[in-house]
Amino acid sequence: MAAMTGPVASEMEARLRAALRPVHLELINDSAKHRGHMGDDGSGESHFTLIIEAADFAGQSRVARQRAVYAALGDMMAEKVHALAIRAFAPGERAA
């Protein structure tokens, strides 16, 4: 994760780690790129990119993996996060 981690990113990371036990998790705050756009709540933590690798994703479709991420984040997606780009992989799928 980026050195400047805010409360939303910290909570997202904790929930994802607890629910999915990833072997790799990278959460990138893209909010600065969307300043002033729809969905920018001024918090500086509204738009993210997630790169996650977890054994739970083995044999799952892209949609099932995204649903698992959304389930792990729960109410955060409706209340705190406007946009989340998800790149979810099973072990061995992610390019080095």
PDB file of N, CA and C in Angstrom:
ATOM      1  N   MET A   1       0.833  -1.184   0.000  1.00  0.00           N
ATOM      2  CA  MET A   1       0.000   0.000   0.000  1.00  0.00           C
ATOM      3  C   MET A   1       0.872   1.239   0.000  1.00  0.00           C
ATOM      4  N   ALA A   2       0.294   2.327  -0.407  1.00  0.00           N
ATOM      5  CA  ALA A   2       1.015   3.591  -0.433  1.00  0.00           C
ATOM      6  C   ALA A   2       1.372   4.020   0.983  1.00  0.00           C
ATOM      7  N   ALA A   3       2.428   4.818   1.116  1.00  0.00           N
ATOM      8  CA  ALA A   3       2.901   5.257   2.423  1.00  0.00           C
ATOM      9  C   ALA A   3       1.848   6.074   3.159  1.00  0.00           C
ATOM     10  N   MET A   4       1.083   6.881   2.433  1.00  0.00           N
ATOM     11  CA  MET A   4       0.054   7.705   3.060  1.00  0.00           C
ATOM     12  C   MET A   4      -1.269   6.945   3.026  1.00  0.00           C
ATOM     13  N   THR A   5      -1.539   6.206   4.077  1.00  0.00           N
ATOM     14  CA  THR A   5      -2.745   5.408   4.153  1.00  0.00           C
ATOM     15  C   THR A   5      -3.743   6.076   5.071  1.00  0.00           C
ATOM     16  N   GLY A   6      -4.919   6.350   4.544  1.00  0.00           N
ATOM     17  CA  GLY A   6      -5.962   6.972   5.341  1.00  0.00           C
ATOM     18  C   GLY A   6      -6.852   5.927   5.985  1.00  0.00           C
ATOM     19  N   PRO A   7      -7.831   6.386   6.746  1.00  0.00           N
ATOM     20  CA  PRO A   7      -8.698   5.456   7.478  1.00  0.00           C
ATOM     21  C   PRO A   7      -9.539   4.553   6.577  1.00  0.00           C
ATOM     22  N   VAL A   8      -9.977   5.039   5.431  1.00  0.00           N
ATOM     23  CA  VAL A   8     -10.786   4.213   4.530  1.00  0.00           C
ATOM     24  C   VAL A   8      -9.923   3.095   3.954  1.00  0.00           C
ATOM     25  N   ALA A   9      -8.753   3.431   3.451  1.00  0.00           N
ATOM     26  CA  ALA A   9      -7.856   2.422   2.886  1.00  0.00           C
ATOM     27  C   ALA A   9      -7.443   1.408   3.947  1.00  0.00           C
ATOM     28  N   SER A  10      -7.176   1.866   5.147  1.00  0.00           N
ATOM     29  CA  SER A  10      -6.784   0.958   6.229  1.00  0.00           C
ATOM     30  C   SER A  10      -7.898  -0.026   6.548  1.00  0.00           C
ATOM     31  N   GLU A  11      -9.124   0.468   6.609  1.00  0.00           N
ATOM     32  CA  GLU A  11     -10.257  -0.410   6.890  1.00  0.00           C
ATOM     33  C   GLU A  11     -10.488  -1.386   5.743  1.00  0.00           C
ATOM     34  N   MET A  12     -10.349  -0.906   4.508  1.00  0.00           N
ATOM     35  CA  MET A  12     -10.502  -1.794   3.355  1.00  0.00           C
ATOM     36  C   MET A  12      -9.482  -2.927   3.425  1.00  0.00           C
ATOM     37  N   GLU A  13      -8.228  -2.570   3.678  1.00  0.00           N
ATOM     38  CA  GLU A  13      -7.175  -3.580   3.739  1.00  0.00           C
ATOM     39  C   GLU A  13      -7.458  -4.594   4.842  1.00  0.00           C
ATOM     40  N   ALA A  14      -7.854  -4.139   6.006  1.00  0.00           N
ATOM     41  CA  ALA A  14      -8.127  -5.044   7.119  1.00  0.00           C
ATOM     42  C   ALA A  14      -9.260  -6.015   6.775  1.00  0.00           C
ATOM     43  N   ARG A  15     -10.325  -5.504   6.184  1.00  0.00           N
ATOM     44  CA  ARG A  15     -11.461  -6.366   5.825  1.00  0.00           C
ATOM     45  C   ARG A  15     -11.069  -7.397   4.767  1.00  0.00           C
ATOM     46  N   LEU A  16     -10.309  -6.950   3.755  1.00  0.00           N
ATOM     47  CA  LEU A  16      -9.888  -7.867   2.693  1.00  0.00           C
ATOM     48  C   LEU A  16      -8.952  -8.942   3.229  1.00  0.00           C
ATOM     49  N   ARG A  17      -8.028  -8.559   4.086  1.00  0.00           N
ATOM     50  CA  ARG A  17      -7.106  -9.545   4.671  1.00  0.00           C
ATOM     51  C   ARG A  17      -7.850 -10.558   5.529  1.00  0.00           C
ATOM     52  N   ALA A  18      -8.799 -10.108   6.316  1.00  0.00           N
ATOM     53  CA  ALA A  18      -9.554 -11.007   7.195  1.00  0.00           C
ATOM     54  C   ALA A  18     -10.427 -11.978   6.403  1.00  0.00           C
ATOM     55  N   ALA A  19     -11.087 -11.486   5.383  1.00  0.00           N
ATOM     56  CA  ALA A  19     -12.046 -12.303   4.638  1.00  0.00           C
ATOM     57  C   ALA A  19     -11.408 -13.210   3.596  1.00  0.00           C
ATOM     58  N   LEU A  20     -10.366 -12.718   2.919  1.00  0.00           N
ATOM     59  CA  LEU A  20      -9.829 -13.435   1.759  1.00  0.00           C
ATOM     60  C   LEU A  20      -8.425 -13.997   1.950  1.00  0.00           C
ATOM     61  N   ARG A  21      -7.758 -13.623   3.020  1.00  0.00           N
ATOM     62  CA  ARG A  21      -6.404 -14.112   3.326  1.00  0.00           C
ATOM     63  C   ARG A  21      -5.478 -14.067   2.096  1.00  0.00           C
ATOM     64  N   PRO A  22      -5.320 -12.904   1.502  1.00  0.00           N
ATOM     65  CA  PRO A  22      -4.527 -12.813   0.268  1.00  0.00           C
ATOM     66  C   PRO A  22      -3.033 -13.049   0.509  1.00  0.00           C
ATOM     67  N   VAL A  23      -2.383 -13.586  -0.528  1.00  0.00           N
ATOM     68  CA  VAL A  23      -0.926 -13.715  -0.498  1.00  0.00           C
ATOM     69  C   VAL A  23      -0.288 -12.435  -1.043  1.00  0.00           C
ATOM     70  N   HIS A  24      -1.072 -11.651  -1.745  1.00  0.00           N
ATOM     71  CA  HIS A  24      -0.634 -10.342  -2.251  1.00  0.00           C
ATOM     72  C   HIS A  24      -1.838  -9.411  -2.231  1.00  0.00           C
ATOM     73  N   LEU A  25      -1.635  -8.203  -1.717  1.00  0.00           N
ATOM     74  CA  LEU A  25      -2.695  -7.210  -1.696  1.00  0.00           C
ATOM     75  C   LEU A  25      -2.052  -5.846  -1.911  1.00  0.00           C
ATOM     76  N   GLU A  26      -2.515  -5.174  -2.939  1.00  0.00           N
ATOM     77  CA  GLU A  26      -2.040  -3.824  -3.250  1.00  0.00           C
ATOM     78  C   GLU A  26      -3.272  -2.952  -3.451  1.00  0.00           C
ATOM     79  N   LEU A  27      -3.409  -1.943  -2.622  1.00  0.00           N
ATOM     80  CA  LEU A  27      -4.543  -1.033  -2.713  1.00  0.00           C
ATOM     81  C   LEU A  27      -4.002   0.344  -3.059  1.00  0.00           C
ATOM     82  N   ILE A  28      -4.377   0.834  -4.220  1.00  0.00           N
ATOM     83  CA  ILE A  28      -3.852   2.099  -4.740  1.00  0.00           C
ATOM     84  C   ILE A  28      -4.949   3.152  -4.677  1.00  0.00           C
ATOM     85  N   ASN A  29      -4.657   4.260  -4.035  1.00  0.00           N
ATOM     86  CA  ASN A  29      -5.615   5.351  -3.931  1.00  0.00           C
ATOM     87  C   ASN A  29      -5.522   6.213  -5.191  1.00  0.00           C
ATOM     88  N   ASP A  30      -6.568   6.169  -5.994  1.00  0.00           N
ATOM     89  CA  ASP A  30      -6.632   6.919  -7.253  1.00  0.00           C
ATOM     90  C   ASP A  30      -7.436   8.207  -7.115  1.00  0.00           C
ATOM     91  N   SER A  31      -7.801   8.564  -5.906  1.00  0.00           N
ATOM     92  CA  SER A  31      -8.731   9.674  -5.683  1.00  0.00           C
ATOM     93  C   SER A  31      -8.248  10.999  -6.248  1.00  0.00           C
ATOM     94  N   ALA A  32      -6.955  11.264  -6.187  1.00  0.00           N
ATOM     95  CA  ALA A  32      -6.429  12.538  -6.682  1.00  0.00           C
ATOM     96  C   ALA A  32      -6.714  12.719  -8.170  1.00  0.00           C
ATOM     97  N   LYS A  33      -6.760  11.618  -8.906  1.00  0.00           N
ATOM     98  CA  LYS A  33      -7.047  11.677 -10.343  1.00  0.00           C
ATOM     99  C   LYS A  33      -8.499  12.069 -10.616  1.00  0.00           C
ATOM    100  N   HIS A  34      -9.353  11.944  -9.599  1.00  0.00           N
ATOM    101  CA  HIS A  34     -10.789  12.175  -9.780  1.00  0.00           C
ATOM    102  C   HIS A  34     -11.284  13.388  -9.002  1.00  0.00           C
ATOM    103  N   ARG A  35     -10.368  14.189  -8.509  1.00  0.00           N
ATOM    104  CA  ARG A  35     -10.748  15.379  -7.736  1.00  0.00           C
ATOM    105  C   ARG A  35     -11.680  16.260  -8.570  1.00  0.00           C
ATOM    106  N   GLY A  36     -12.816  16.600  -7.994  1.00  0.00           N
ATOM    107  CA  GLY A  36     -13.785  17.445  -8.679  1.00  0.00           C
ATOM    108  C   GLY A  36     -14.752  16.693  -9.568  1.00  0.00           C
ATOM    109  N   HIS A  37     -14.535  15.403  -9.771  1.00  0.00           N
ATOM    110  CA  HIS A  37     -15.437  14.603 -10.600  1.00  0.00           C
ATOM    111  C   HIS A  37     -16.572  14.050  -9.753  1.00  0.00           C
ATOM    112  N   MET A  38     -17.577  13.515 -10.417  1.00  0.00           N
ATOM    113  CA  MET A  38     -18.688  12.892  -9.716  1.00  0.00           C
ATOM    114  C   MET A  38     -18.146  11.776  -8.814  1.00  0.00           C
ATOM    115  N   GLY A  39     -18.640  11.712  -7.605  1.00  0.00           N
ATOM    116  CA  GLY A  39     -18.213  10.688  -6.660  1.00  0.00           C
ATOM    117  C   GLY A  39     -17.083  11.122  -5.762  1.00  0.00           C
ATOM    118  N   ASP A  40     -16.449  12.248  -6.082  1.00  0.00           N
ATOM    119  CA  ASP A  40     -15.389  12.775  -5.223  1.00  0.00           C
ATOM    120  C   ASP A  40     -16.046  13.453  -4.034  1.00  0.00           C
ATOM    121  N   ASP A  41     -15.870  12.856  -2.860  1.00  0.00           N
ATOM    122  CA  ASP A  41     -16.517  13.404  -1.669  1.00  0.00           C
ATOM    123  C   ASP A  41     -15.609  14.366  -0.910  1.00  0.00           C
ATOM    124  N   GLY A  42     -14.429  14.633  -1.455  1.00  0.00           N
ATOM    125  CA  GLY A  42     -13.507  15.559  -0.819  1.00  0.00           C
ATOM    126  C   GLY A  42     -12.634  14.928   0.250  1.00  0.00           C
ATOM    127  N   SER A  43     -12.852  13.645   0.550  1.00  0.00           N
ATOM    128  CA  SER A  43     -12.090  12.971   1.598  1.00  0.00           C
ATOM    129  C   SER A  43     -10.696  12.567   1.134  1.00  0.00           C
ATOM    130  N   GLY A  44     -10.511  12.504  -0.174  1.00  0.00           N
ATOM    131  CA  GLY A  44      -9.245  12.005  -0.704  1.00  0.00           C
ATOM    132  C   GLY A  44      -9.173  10.488  -0.676  1.00  0.00           C
ATOM    133  N   GLU A  45     -10.291   9.834  -0.353  1.00  0.00           N
ATOM    134  CA  GLU A  45     -10.348   8.375  -0.316  1.00  0.00           C
ATOM    135  C   GLU A  45     -11.685   7.894  -0.869  1.00  0.00           C
ATOM    136  N   SER A  46     -11.874   8.075  -2.162  1.00  0.00           N
ATOM    137  CA  SER A  46     -13.133   7.674  -2.774  1.00  0.00           C
ATOM    138  C   SER A  46     -12.949   6.744  -3.972  1.00  0.00           C
ATOM    139  N   HIS A  47     -11.772   6.746  -4.580  1.00  0.00           N
ATOM    140  CA  HIS A  47     -11.504   5.955  -5.781  1.00  0.00           C
ATOM    141  C   HIS A  47     -10.233   5.118  -5.553  1.00  0.00           C
ATOM    142  N   PHE A  48     -10.336   3.808  -5.802  1.00  0.00           N
ATOM    143  CA  PHE A  48      -9.205   2.915  -5.552  1.00  0.00           C
ATOM    144  C   PHE A  48      -9.042   1.897  -6.670  1.00  0.00           C
ATOM    145  N   THR A  49      -7.824   1.369  -6.775  1.00  0.00           N
ATOM    146  CA  THR A  49      -7.533   0.200  -7.591  1.00  0.00           C
ATOM    147  C   THR A  49      -7.023  -0.867  -6.642  1.00  0.00           C
ATOM    148  N   LEU A  50      -7.552  -2.072  -6.769  1.00  0.00           N
ATOM    149  CA  LEU A  50      -7.153  -3.192  -5.932  1.00  0.00           C
ATOM    150  C   LEU A  50      -6.521  -4.274  -6.796  1.00  0.00           C
ATOM    151  N   ILE A  51      -5.336  -4.698  -6.416  1.00  0.00           N
ATOM    152  CA  ILE A  51      -4.687  -5.854  -7.027  1.00  0.00           C
ATOM    153  C   ILE A  51      -4.552  -6.867  -5.900  1.00  0.00           C
ATOM    154  N   ILE A  52      -5.211  -8.011  -6.055  1.00  0.00           N
ATOM    155  CA  ILE A  52      -5.267  -8.982  -4.972  1.00  0.00           C
ATOM    156  C   ILE A  52      -5.084 -10.395  -5.518  1.00  0.00           C
ATOM    157  N   GLU A  53      -4.314 -11.192  -4.802  1.00  0.00           N
ATOM    158  CA  GLU A  53      -4.081 -12.585  -5.159  1.00  0.00           C
ATOM    159  C   GLU A  53      -4.419 -13.423  -3.932  1.00  0.00           C
ATOM    160  N   ALA A  54      -5.350 -14.359  -4.096  1.00  0.00           N
ATOM    161  CA  ALA A  54      -5.784 -15.182  -2.969  1.00  0.00           C
ATOM    162  C   ALA A  54      -6.164 -16.579  -3.441  1.00  0.00           C
ATOM    163  N   ALA A  55      -5.876 -17.553  -2.614  1.00  0.00           N
ATOM    164  CA  ALA A  55      -6.210 -18.942  -2.937  1.00  0.00           C
ATOM    165  C   ALA A  55      -7.716 -19.118  -3.102  1.00  0.00           C
ATOM    166  N   ASP A  56      -8.499 -18.323  -2.391  1.00  0.00           N
ATOM    167  CA  ASP A  56      -9.962 -18.410  -2.494  1.00  0.00           C
ATOM    168  C   ASP A  56     -10.466 -18.164  -3.914  1.00  0.00           C
ATOM    169  N   PHE A  57      -9.673 -17.517  -4.747  1.00  0.00           N
ATOM    170  CA  PHE A  57     -10.103 -17.197  -6.101  1.00  0.00           C
ATOM    171  C   PHE A  57      -9.887 -18.346  -7.098  1.00  0.00           C
ATOM    172  N   ALA A  58      -9.186 -19.392  -6.686  1.00  0.00           N
ATOM    173  CA  ALA A  58      -8.926 -20.519  -7.589  1.00  0.00           C
ATOM    174  C   ALA A  58     -10.246 -21.116  -8.063  1.00  0.00           C
ATOM    175  N   GLY A  59     -10.381 -21.280  -9.366  1.00  0.00           N
ATOM    176  CA  GLY A  59     -11.575 -21.873  -9.941  1.00  0.00           C
ATOM    177  C   GLY A  59     -12.774 -20.951 -10.027  1.00  0.00           C
ATOM    178  N   GLN A  60     -12.622 -19.698  -9.598  1.00  0.00           N
ATOM    179  CA  GLN A  60     -13.732 -18.748  -9.645  1.00  0.00           C
ATOM    180  C   GLN A  60     -13.654 -17.890 -10.903  1.00  0.00           C
ATOM    181  N   SER A  61     -14.811 -17.495 -11.393  1.00  0.00           N
ATOM    182  CA  SER A  61     -14.876 -16.575 -12.530  1.00  0.00           C
ATOM    183  C   SER A  61     -14.494 -15.169 -12.074  1.00  0.00           C
ATOM    184  N   ARG A  62     -14.254 -14.299 -13.015  1.00  0.00           N
ATOM    185  CA  ARG A  62     -13.940 -12.898 -12.700  1.00  0.00           C
ATOM    186  C   ARG A  62     -15.066 -12.269 -11.892  1.00  0.00           C
ATOM    187  N   VAL A  63     -16.310 -12.554 -12.281  1.00  0.00           N
ATOM    188  CA  VAL A  63     -17.465 -11.989 -11.579  1.00  0.00           C
ATOM    189  C   VAL A  63     -17.541 -12.527 -10.149  1.00  0.00           C
ATOM    190  N   ALA A  64     -17.313 -13.808  -9.951  1.00  0.00           N
ATOM    191  CA  ALA A  64     -17.347 -14.389  -8.606  1.00  0.00           C
ATOM    192  C   ALA A  64     -16.258 -13.776  -7.726  1.00  0.00           C
ATOM    193  N   ARG A  65     -15.105 -13.515  -8.296  1.00  0.00           N
ATOM    194  CA  ARG A  65     -14.011 -12.898  -7.543  1.00  0.00           C
ATOM    195  C   ARG A  65     -14.397 -11.473  -7.127  1.00  0.00           C
ATOM    196  N   GLN A  66     -14.992 -10.738  -8.045  1.00  0.00           N
ATOM    197  CA  GLN A  66     -15.422  -9.370  -7.722  1.00  0.00           C
ATOM    198  C   GLN A  66     -16.504  -9.381  -6.645  1.00  0.00           C
ATOM    199  N   ARG A  67     -17.402 -10.331  -6.728  1.00  0.00           N
ATOM    200  CA  ARG A  67     -18.447 -10.447  -5.701  1.00  0.00           C
ATOM    201  C   ARG A  67     -17.836 -10.746  -4.331  1.00  0.00           C
ATOM    202  N   ALA A  68     -16.807 -11.583  -4.303  1.00  0.00           N
ATOM    203  CA  ALA A  68     -16.140 -11.904  -3.041  1.00  0.00           C
ATOM    204  C   ALA A  68     -15.489 -10.665  -2.439  1.00  0.00           C
ATOM    205  N   VAL A  69     -14.879  -9.842  -3.286  1.00  0.00           N
ATOM    206  CA  VAL A  69     -14.266  -8.593  -2.812  1.00  0.00           C
ATOM    207  C   VAL A  69     -15.345  -7.666  -2.266  1.00  0.00           C
ATOM    208  N   TYR A  70     -16.422  -7.501  -3.004  1.00  0.00           N
ATOM    209  CA  TYR A  70     -17.527  -6.639  -2.551  1.00  0.00           C
ATOM    210  C   TYR A  70     -18.123  -7.146  -1.246  1.00  0.00           C
ATOM    211  N   ALA A  71     -18.265  -8.459  -1.115  1.00  0.00           N
ATOM    212  CA  ALA A  71     -18.797  -9.034   0.130  1.00  0.00           C
ATOM    213  C   ALA A  71     -17.858  -8.744   1.297  1.00  0.00           C
ATOM    214  N   ALA A  72     -16.560  -8.850   1.064  1.00  0.00           N
ATOM    215  CA  ALA A  72     -15.584  -8.574   2.122  1.00  0.00           C
ATOM    216  C   ALA A  72     -15.650  -7.116   2.563  1.00  0.00           C
ATOM    217  N   LEU A  73     -15.875  -6.215   1.619  1.00  0.00           N
ATOM    218  CA  LEU A  73     -15.916  -4.782   1.940  1.00  0.00           C
ATOM    219  C   LEU A  73     -17.274  -4.347   2.489  1.00  0.00           C
ATOM    220  N   GLY A  74     -18.295  -5.103   2.188  1.00  0.00           N
ATOM    221  CA  GLY A  74     -19.622  -4.844   2.745  1.00  0.00           C
ATOM    222  C   GLY A  74     -20.112  -3.424   2.526  1.00  0.00           C
ATOM    223  N   ASP A  75     -20.552  -2.791   3.616  1.00  0.00           N
ATOM    224  CA  ASP A  75     -21.160  -1.466   3.557  1.00  0.00           C
ATOM    225  C   ASP A  75     -20.216  -0.363   3.094  1.00  0.00           C
ATOM    226  N   MET A  76     -18.929  -0.626   3.088  1.00  0.00           N
ATOM    227  CA  MET A  76     -17.975   0.392   2.640  1.00  0.00           C
ATOM    228  C   MET A  76     -18.235   0.801   1.197  1.00  0.00           C
ATOM    229  N   MET A  77     -18.675  -0.137   0.376  1.00  0.00           N
ATOM    230  CA  MET A  77     -18.893   0.159  -1.031  1.00  0.00           C
ATOM    231  C   MET A  77     -20.074   1.103  -1.228  1.00  0.00           C
ATOM    232  N   ALA A  78     -21.027   1.071  -0.362  1.00  0.00           N
ATOM    233  CA  ALA A  78     -22.179   1.963  -0.478  1.00  0.00           C
ATOM    234  C   ALA A  78     -21.966   3.274   0.255  1.00  0.00           C
ATOM    235  N   GLU A  79     -21.144   3.247   1.295  1.00  0.00           N
ATOM    236  CA  GLU A  79     -21.036   4.411   2.167  1.00  0.00           C
ATOM    237  C   GLU A  79     -19.735   5.203   2.048  1.00  0.00           C
ATOM    238  N   LYS A  80     -18.634   4.553   1.667  1.00  0.00           N
ATOM    239  CA  LYS A  80     -17.344   5.243   1.710  1.00  0.00           C
ATOM    240  C   LYS A  80     -16.561   5.219   0.412  1.00  0.00           C
ATOM    241  N   VAL A  81     -16.803   4.243  -0.449  1.00  0.00           N
ATOM    242  CA  VAL A  81     -16.007   4.076  -1.670  1.00  0.00           C
ATOM    243  C   VAL A  81     -16.904   4.306  -2.878  1.00  0.00           C
ATOM    244  N   HIS A  82     -16.498   5.228  -3.730  1.00  0.00           N
ATOM    245  CA  HIS A  82     -17.288   5.515  -4.933  1.00  0.00           C
ATOM    246  C   HIS A  82     -16.915   4.566  -6.069  1.00  0.00           C
ATOM    247  N   ALA A  83     -15.621   4.284  -6.228  1.00  0.00           N
ATOM    248  CA  ALA A  83     -15.178   3.457  -7.346  1.00  0.00           C
ATOM    249  C   ALA A  83     -14.032   2.552  -6.918  1.00  0.00           C
ATOM    250  N   LEU A  84     -14.088   1.303  -7.391  1.00  0.00           N
ATOM    251  CA  LEU A  84     -13.045   0.330  -7.093  1.00  0.00           C
ATOM    252  C   LEU A  84     -12.781  -0.502  -8.335  1.00  0.00           C
ATOM    253  N   ALA A  85     -11.589  -0.358  -8.890  1.00  0.00           N
ATOM    254  CA  ALA A  85     -11.161  -1.209 -10.003  1.00  0.00           C
ATOM    255  C   ALA A  85     -10.507  -2.435  -9.374  1.00  0.00           C
ATOM    256  N   ILE A  86     -10.959  -3.627  -9.768  1.00  0.00           N
ATOM    257  CA  ILE A  86     -10.492  -4.862  -9.143  1.00  0.00           C
ATOM    258  C   ILE A  86      -9.742  -5.717 -10.148  1.00  0.00           C
ATOM    259  N   ARG A  87      -8.527  -6.112  -9.769  1.00  0.00           N
ATOM    260  CA  ARG A  87      -7.743  -7.090 -10.518  1.00  0.00           C
ATOM    261  C   ARG A  87      -7.470  -8.223  -9.540  1.00  0.00           C
ATOM    262  N   ALA A  88      -8.258  -9.295  -9.633  1.00  0.00           N
ATOM    263  CA  ALA A  88      -8.190 -10.396  -8.676  1.00  0.00           C
ATOM    264  C   ALA A  88      -7.636 -11.648  -9.359  1.00  0.00           C
ATOM    265  N   PHE A  89      -6.690 -12.295  -8.679  1.00  0.00           N
ATOM    266  CA  PHE A  89      -5.999 -13.450  -9.225  1.00  0.00           C
ATOM    267  C   PHE A  89      -5.941 -14.586  -8.210  1.00  0.00           C
ATOM    268  N   ALA A  90      -5.888 -15.809  -8.717  1.00  0.00           N
ATOM    269  CA  ALA A  90      -5.554 -16.969  -7.906  1.00  0.00           C
ATOM    270  C   ALA A  90      -4.026 -17.085  -7.937  1.00  0.00           C
ATOM    271  N   PRO A  91      -3.433 -17.751  -6.971  1.00  0.00           N
ATOM    272  CA  PRO A  91      -1.976 -17.910  -6.982  1.00  0.00           C
ATOM    273  C   PRO A  91      -1.490 -18.517  -8.309  1.00  0.00           C
ATOM    274  N   GLY A  92      -0.445 -17.913  -8.838  1.00  0.00           N
ATOM    275  CA  GLY A  92       0.140 -18.354 -10.086  1.00  0.00           C
ATOM    276  C   GLY A  92      -0.434 -17.702 -11.328  1.00  0.00           C
ATOM    277  N   GLU A  93      -1.515 -16.976 -11.220  1.00  0.00           N
ATOM    278  CA  GLU A  93      -2.123 -16.314 -12.378  1.00  0.00           C
ATOM    279  C   GLU A  93      -1.532 -14.939 -12.657  1.00  0.00           C
ATOM    280  N   ARG A  94      -1.079 -14.275 -11.620  1.00  0.00           N
ATOM    281  CA  ARG A  94      -0.582 -12.898 -11.754  1.00  0.00           C
ATOM    282  C   ARG A  94       0.783 -12.919 -12.415  1.00  0.00           C
ATOM    283  N   ALA A  95       0.954 -12.072 -13.425  1.00  0.00           N
ATOM    284  CA  ALA A  95       2.251 -11.972 -14.105  1.00  0.00           C
ATOM    285  C   ALA A  95       3.278 -11.396 -13.146  1.00  0.00           C
ATOM    286  N   ALA A  96       4.468 -11.882 -13.228  1.00  0.00           N
ATOM    287  CA  ALA A  96       5.540 -11.416 -12.342  1.00  0.00           C
ATOM    288  C   ALA A  96       5.939 -10.006 -12.627  1.00  0.00           C
TER     289      ALA A  96
END
